[in-house]
Amino acid sequence: MATGEAAEVLVVGSVNRDLVATVDHLPVAGETVAGAALAEGLGGKGANQAVAAARAGARVALLATVGDDPGGGALRARLAELGVGTELVATAPGPSGTALVAVDAAGENQIVVVPGANAATGPERVDALVPGLAPSTVVVVQGEVPLTTIVTAVGAGRAAGATVVVNLAPFVALPPGVLSGCVVVVNAVELGQLLRADPPPTVEAARAAAAAVVAGGPAAVVVSLGADGAVWVTAEGEGGHVAAPPASAVVDTTGAGDALVGVLAAALAAGRSLDAVVTAAVAAATASVAHPGAAEGYPPFAVGAAR
């Protein structure tokens, strides 16, 4: 995104240095396993979502924080190389966020995140952006920044008349009313956490649970279901199920959910209907698993035809 261009998608979120170990199988409690390879790259849910939106053709800005360690500057530079506007990426004393990722032969993963500088992304950073927000902006937040920052970003976007996408990953309990008018994106586990219930075991159960969440005030709820695609429900009673296309390969599922959220935001910014938005988002998540890593491995994505 060129300096001075208004962002179509503003992501308020995290940026991490990913350390990814490839293993034959994921360890169980107390087990040590040998790694076949170790790779380092850009990650963090905010960075992943921002890159995915950029790879789908949107003008994207990321509001985030890196550390003043040697890796912080490299993370900022890599974001810019991948098409994300970095004018809002600040530097704080201390280490950048780090994610320790293990990926097995089937592409499944285990992830431990150490927030580092992401904890310094405070609500005052969002307050400074309020005059520049427009109804055409899509504001995206997720659970890897402080709770007060999430709440402030949602409120600022809503006050500006912008579309606000809240990805409750990792799950965080928000104060009552925060999700009102938002597009909420969760997976089945997070949907269960939101409703304080078990994860829905079937597609139809997920759709019914999404409808229960919508009844509480969100404009729409999208539930990602992995290989089963996604379901969506709106406050107007519309909804559907988008099946996932066949995956060409499953190399690494890390960042698949973030690809879904980022492309969903880009498609919303392009004015697509929610059915078309979810279709593009599911296709992006499926395409992402054929590549190693998260943001670093995303291929170009499409937002689909207007309908």
Protein backbone atom coordinates (compact mmCIF):
# COMPACT_ATOMS: atom_id res chain seq x y z
CA MET A 1 0.00 0.00 0.00
CA ALA A 2 1.51 3.33 -1.02
CA THR A 3 1.98 6.00 1.62
CA GLY A 4 -1.01 8.34 1.73
CA GLU A 5 -3.54 5.87 0.32
CA ALA A 6 -6.51 5.21 2.58
CA ALA A 7 -6.73 1.61 3.71
CA GLU A 8 -9.74 -0.42 2.64
CA VAL A 9 -8.92 -2.91 5.41
CA LEU A 10 -7.48 -1.87 8.77
CA VAL A 11 -6.26 -4.78 10.90
CA VAL A 12 -5.65 -4.11 14.58
CA GLY A 13 -3.64 -7.08 15.74
CA SER A 14 -0.51 -9.00 16.46
CA VAL A 15 2.75 -9.59 14.61
CA ASN A 16 5.09 -12.41 15.60
CA ARG A 17 8.27 -14.12 14.62
CA ASP A 18 7.25 -17.71 13.85
CA LEU A 19 9.71 -20.50 14.66
CA VAL A 20 8.36 -23.59 12.91
CA ALA A 21 9.64 -27.11 13.58
CA THR A 22 8.65 -29.95 11.25
CA VAL A 23 8.09 -33.22 13.12
CA ASP A 24 6.86 -36.72 12.28
CA HIS A 25 4.16 -36.48 14.93
CA LEU A 26 3.06 -33.92 17.50
CA PRO A 27 4.32 -34.62 21.03
CA VAL A 28 1.99 -35.67 23.82
CA ALA A 29 2.47 -34.41 27.37
CA GLY A 30 5.96 -35.24 28.60
CA GLU A 31 7.18 -36.49 25.21
CA THR A 32 10.27 -35.22 23.37
CA VAL A 33 10.26 -35.60 19.60
CA ALA A 34 12.98 -34.99 17.02
CA GLY A 35 12.45 -32.21 14.53
CA ALA A 36 13.29 -32.71 10.86
CA ALA A 37 13.64 -29.00 10.00
CA LEU A 38 13.37 -25.53 11.52
CA ALA A 39 12.14 -22.44 9.67
CA GLU A 40 11.64 -18.81 10.70
CA GLY A 41 9.12 -16.41 9.24
CA LEU A 42 6.46 -13.74 9.69
CA GLY A 43 3.39 -14.66 11.72
CA GLY A 44 0.90 -13.46 14.29
CA LYS A 45 -2.84 -13.46 13.63
CA GLY A 46 -2.93 -9.75 12.82
CA ALA A 47 -0.03 -9.98 10.38
CA ASN A 48 -1.42 -13.15 8.78
CA GLN A 49 -4.85 -11.59 8.27
CA ALA A 50 -3.35 -8.38 6.90
CA VAL A 51 -1.16 -10.27 4.42
CA ALA A 52 -4.09 -12.46 3.34
CA ALA A 53 -6.22 -9.37 2.65
CA ALA A 54 -3.36 -7.83 0.69
CA ARG A 55 -2.87 -11.06 -1.28
CA ALA A 56 -6.56 -10.74 -2.21
CA GLY A 57 -5.96 -7.28 -3.67
CA ALA A 58 -7.09 -5.02 -0.83
CA ARG A 59 -5.25 -1.91 0.37
CA VAL A 60 -4.34 -2.91 3.91
CA ALA A 61 -2.89 -1.19 6.96
CA LEU A 62 -1.81 -3.04 10.10
CA LEU A 63 -1.86 -1.38 13.51
CA ALA A 64 0.57 -3.44 15.57
CA THR A 65 3.74 -3.32 17.67
CA VAL A 66 7.11 -5.00 17.28
CA GLY A 67 10.00 -5.03 19.75
CA ASP A 68 13.22 -3.11 19.57
CA ASP A 69 15.10 -6.41 19.22
CA PRO A 70 16.89 -7.17 15.93
CA GLY A 71 13.89 -9.12 14.66
CA GLY A 72 11.44 -6.23 15.01
CA GLY A 73 12.74 -4.29 12.05
CA ALA A 74 12.85 -7.44 9.94
CA LEU A 75 9.20 -8.18 10.71
CA ARG A 76 8.17 -4.65 9.68
CA ALA A 77 10.20 -4.89 6.47
CA ARG A 78 8.69 -8.25 5.58
CA LEU A 79 5.16 -6.92 6.08
CA ALA A 80 5.91 -4.13 3.61
CA GLU A 81 7.37 -6.62 1.12
CA LEU A 82 4.13 -8.61 1.30
CA GLY A 83 2.01 -5.55 0.50
CA VAL A 84 0.87 -4.41 3.95
CA GLY A 85 0.99 -0.76 4.97
CA THR A 86 3.31 -0.45 7.98
CA GLU A 87 2.93 3.21 8.93
CA LEU A 88 0.96 2.10 12.01
CA VAL A 89 3.44 -0.56 13.15
CA ALA A 90 5.13 0.90 16.24
CA THR A 91 8.21 -0.20 18.17
CA ALA A 92 8.22 -0.89 21.91
CA PRO A 93 11.09 -1.75 24.26
CA GLY A 94 11.72 -5.47 24.65
CA PRO A 95 11.30 -8.53 22.45
CA SER A 96 8.90 -8.93 19.56
CA GLY A 97 6.12 -11.49 19.84
CA THR A 98 7.18 -15.04 19.12
CA ALA A 99 5.23 -18.16 18.18
CA LEU A 100 6.68 -21.65 18.63
CA VAL A 101 5.01 -23.93 16.08
CA ALA A 102 5.29 -27.69 15.57
CA VAL A 103 3.86 -29.12 12.32
CA ASP A 104 3.46 -32.86 11.75
CA ALA A 105 3.47 -34.96 8.58
CA ALA A 106 -0.31 -34.50 8.18
CA GLY A 107 -0.04 -30.72 8.35
CA GLU A 108 -1.57 -30.46 11.84
CA ASN A 109 0.05 -28.14 14.35
CA GLN A 110 0.62 -27.16 17.97
CA ILE A 111 1.34 -23.49 18.71
CA VAL A 112 2.62 -21.60 21.76
CA VAL A 113 2.51 -17.79 21.51
CA VAL A 114 4.59 -15.44 23.67
CA PRO A 115 3.02 -11.99 23.14
CA GLY A 116 6.09 -9.82 23.69
CA ALA A 117 5.59 -6.35 22.17
CA ASN A 118 2.00 -7.14 21.13
CA ALA A 119 0.98 -6.39 24.72
CA ALA A 120 2.01 -2.77 24.09
CA THR A 121 -0.65 -2.24 21.40
CA GLY A 122 -2.87 -0.11 23.63
CA PRO A 123 -6.26 1.53 23.06
CA GLU A 124 -4.70 4.99 22.78
CA ARG A 125 -3.19 3.87 19.46
CA VAL A 126 -6.69 3.21 18.13
CA ASP A 127 -8.07 6.48 19.49
CA ALA A 128 -5.55 8.38 17.38
CA LEU A 129 -6.98 6.80 14.21
CA VAL A 130 -10.63 7.66 14.75
CA PRO A 131 -10.66 10.82 12.57
CA GLY A 132 -9.37 8.82 9.61
CA LEU A 133 -11.89 5.96 9.74
CA ALA A 134 -14.59 5.95 7.07
CA PRO A 135 -17.79 3.95 6.49
CA SER A 136 -16.03 2.21 3.59
CA THR A 137 -13.30 0.83 5.87
CA VAL A 138 -13.37 -2.77 7.09
CA VAL A 139 -11.87 -2.92 10.60
CA VAL A 140 -10.56 -6.33 11.70
CA VAL A 141 -9.62 -7.31 15.25
CA GLN A 142 -8.70 -10.63 16.89
CA GLY A 143 -7.73 -11.93 20.31
CA GLU A 144 -3.95 -11.45 20.32
CA VAL A 145 -4.00 -7.82 21.50
CA PRO A 146 -5.16 -6.46 24.88
CA LEU A 147 -8.88 -6.63 25.65
CA THR A 148 -9.17 -2.85 26.01
CA THR A 149 -7.69 -2.43 22.54
CA ILE A 150 -10.20 -4.86 21.03
CA VAL A 151 -13.10 -3.03 22.67
CA THR A 152 -11.79 0.37 21.59
CA ALA A 153 -11.23 -0.74 17.98
CA VAL A 154 -14.74 -2.19 17.75
CA GLY A 155 -16.25 0.99 19.18
CA ALA A 156 -14.23 3.24 16.89
CA GLY A 157 -15.17 1.28 13.80
CA ARG A 158 -18.82 1.16 14.74
CA ALA A 159 -18.89 4.92 15.47
CA ALA A 160 -17.43 5.60 12.02
CA GLY A 161 -20.07 3.43 10.35
CA ALA A 162 -17.38 0.99 9.22
CA THR A 163 -17.83 -2.76 8.87
CA VAL A 164 -16.22 -4.38 11.91
CA VAL A 165 -14.99 -7.98 11.77
CA VAL A 166 -14.25 -9.60 15.14
CA ASN A 167 -12.30 -12.84 15.02
CA LEU A 168 -12.54 -14.35 18.49
CA ALA A 169 -9.26 -16.24 18.16
CA PRO A 170 -7.74 -17.00 20.52
CA PHE A 171 -11.04 -16.81 22.36
CA VAL A 172 -11.51 -13.85 24.67
CA ALA A 173 -14.68 -13.06 26.63
CA LEU A 174 -15.83 -9.57 25.63
CA PRO A 175 -18.05 -7.25 27.69
CA PRO A 176 -21.77 -7.34 26.90
CA GLY A 177 -22.78 -5.47 23.76
CA VAL A 178 -19.33 -5.28 22.17
CA LEU A 179 -20.28 -7.64 19.33
CA SER A 180 -23.44 -5.70 18.46
CA GLY A 181 -23.52 -4.92 14.75
CA CYS A 182 -20.27 -6.78 14.04
CA VAL A 183 -19.40 -9.64 11.71
CA VAL A 184 -18.17 -12.33 14.12
CA VAL A 185 -15.83 -15.05 12.84
CA VAL A 186 -15.13 -18.12 14.98
CA ASN A 187 -14.30 -21.78 14.56
CA ALA A 188 -16.40 -24.53 16.14
CA VAL A 189 -14.40 -24.58 19.38
CA GLU A 190 -14.60 -20.80 19.78
CA LEU A 191 -18.33 -20.90 18.99
CA GLY A 192 -18.78 -23.33 21.86
CA GLN A 193 -16.75 -21.06 24.14
CA LEU A 194 -18.87 -18.08 23.12
CA LEU A 195 -22.06 -19.95 24.01
CA ARG A 196 -20.50 -21.70 27.03
CA ALA A 197 -21.36 -25.04 25.48
CA ASP A 198 -19.67 -27.94 23.74
CA PRO A 199 -18.48 -27.29 20.18
CA PRO A 200 -21.27 -28.12 17.71
CA PRO A 201 -20.61 -31.61 16.28
CA THR A 202 -22.25 -31.17 12.85
CA VAL A 203 -22.71 -28.53 10.17
CA GLU A 204 -26.39 -28.13 11.03
CA ALA A 205 -25.60 -27.81 14.74
CA ALA A 206 -23.03 -25.13 13.93
CA ARG A 207 -25.58 -23.20 11.89
CA ALA A 208 -28.12 -23.39 14.73
CA ALA A 209 -25.50 -22.25 17.25
CA ALA A 210 -24.50 -19.36 14.97
CA ALA A 211 -28.14 -18.29 14.83
CA ALA A 212 -28.21 -18.25 18.63
CA VAL A 213 -25.20 -15.91 18.67
CA VAL A 214 -26.75 -13.62 16.03
CA ALA A 215 -29.83 -13.29 18.21
CA GLY A 216 -27.60 -11.51 20.74
CA GLY A 217 -26.79 -8.58 18.46
CA PRO A 218 -24.08 -9.29 15.82
CA ALA A 219 -24.88 -8.41 12.21
CA ALA A 220 -23.62 -11.81 11.10
CA VAL A 221 -21.74 -14.85 12.36
CA VAL A 222 -19.39 -16.95 10.24
CA VAL A 223 -18.25 -20.31 11.63
CA SER A 224 -15.22 -21.93 10.00
CA LEU A 225 -15.39 -25.73 10.06
CA GLY A 226 -12.07 -26.79 8.55
CA ALA A 227 -12.57 -29.45 5.90
CA ASP A 228 -16.35 -28.94 6.19
CA GLY A 229 -16.09 -25.35 4.96
CA ALA A 230 -18.10 -22.73 6.85
CA VAL A 231 -21.62 -21.74 7.80
CA TRP A 232 -22.95 -18.20 8.01
CA VAL A 233 -26.04 -16.58 9.48
CA THR A 234 -27.20 -12.94 9.42
CA ALA A 235 -29.41 -10.91 11.71
CA GLU A 236 -31.97 -10.79 8.86
CA GLY A 237 -32.30 -14.57 8.96
CA GLU A 238 -30.26 -15.33 5.86
CA GLY A 239 -27.61 -18.02 5.97
CA GLY A 240 -25.97 -20.92 4.29
CA HIS A 241 -23.26 -23.54 4.21
CA VAL A 242 -20.22 -23.21 1.95
CA ALA A 243 -18.47 -26.52 1.36
CA ALA A 244 -14.70 -26.46 1.17
CA PRO A 245 -13.25 -27.22 -2.26
CA PRO A 246 -10.91 -30.22 -2.49
CA ALA A 247 -7.44 -29.37 -1.18
CA SER A 248 -4.64 -29.99 -3.68
CA ALA A 249 -2.45 -31.00 -0.72
CA VAL A 250 -2.33 -30.58 3.04
CA VAL A 251 1.16 -29.38 3.91
CA ASP A 252 0.55 -27.04 6.85
CA THR A 253 -2.74 -25.90 8.40
CA THR A 254 -1.03 -23.05 10.30
CA GLY A 255 -2.70 -19.76 9.39
CA ALA A 256 -5.62 -21.28 7.46
CA GLY A 257 -8.14 -19.55 9.72
CA ASP A 258 -6.29 -16.27 9.31
CA ALA A 259 -6.37 -16.64 5.52
CA LEU A 260 -10.13 -17.07 5.81
CA VAL A 261 -10.51 -13.91 7.92
CA GLY A 262 -8.21 -11.78 5.77
CA VAL A 263 -9.90 -12.71 2.50
CA LEU A 264 -13.31 -12.30 4.12
CA ALA A 265 -12.33 -8.73 5.02
CA ALA A 266 -11.01 -8.04 1.52
CA ALA A 267 -14.20 -9.39 -0.05
CA LEU A 268 -16.35 -7.27 2.27
CA ALA A 269 -14.30 -4.22 1.27
CA ALA A 270 -14.93 -5.11 -2.38
CA GLY A 271 -18.67 -5.02 -1.75
CA ARG A 272 -19.40 -8.70 -2.23
CA SER A 273 -22.53 -10.34 -0.80
CA LEU A 274 -21.99 -12.36 2.36
CA ASP A 275 -22.50 -15.63 0.47
CA ALA A 276 -19.78 -14.63 -2.01
CA VAL A 277 -17.60 -13.36 0.85
CA VAL A 278 -17.73 -16.67 2.70
CA THR A 279 -17.20 -18.64 -0.51
CA ALA A 280 -14.01 -16.68 -1.26
CA ALA A 281 -12.84 -16.99 2.35
CA VAL A 282 -13.30 -20.77 2.46
CA ALA A 283 -11.48 -21.15 -0.87
CA ALA A 284 -8.58 -19.10 0.52
CA ALA A 285 -8.33 -21.18 3.69
CA THR A 286 -8.26 -24.35 1.60
CA ALA A 287 -5.62 -22.99 -0.77
CA SER A 288 -3.44 -21.87 2.14
CA VAL A 289 -2.95 -25.37 3.57
CA ALA A 290 -1.09 -26.48 0.44
CA HIS A 291 1.80 -24.16 1.37
CA PRO A 292 4.17 -24.22 4.37
CA GLY A 293 3.96 -21.47 6.98
CA ALA A 294 1.30 -18.83 7.51
CA ALA A 295 1.66 -15.34 5.98
CA GLU A 296 4.96 -16.27 4.32
CA GLY A 297 3.31 -19.10 2.38
CA TYR A 298 0.04 -17.50 1.27
CA PRO A 299 -0.57 -17.67 -2.48
CA PRO A 300 -2.54 -14.95 -4.30
CA PHE A 301 -6.22 -15.08 -3.34
CA ALA A 302 -9.39 -13.99 -5.17
CA VAL A 303 -12.45 -12.26 -3.69
CA GLY A 304 -14.80 -13.78 -6.27
CA ALA A 305 -17.34 -12.25 -8.59
CA ALA A 306 -19.84 -9.66 -7.39
CA ARG A 307 -23.23 -11.16 -6.63
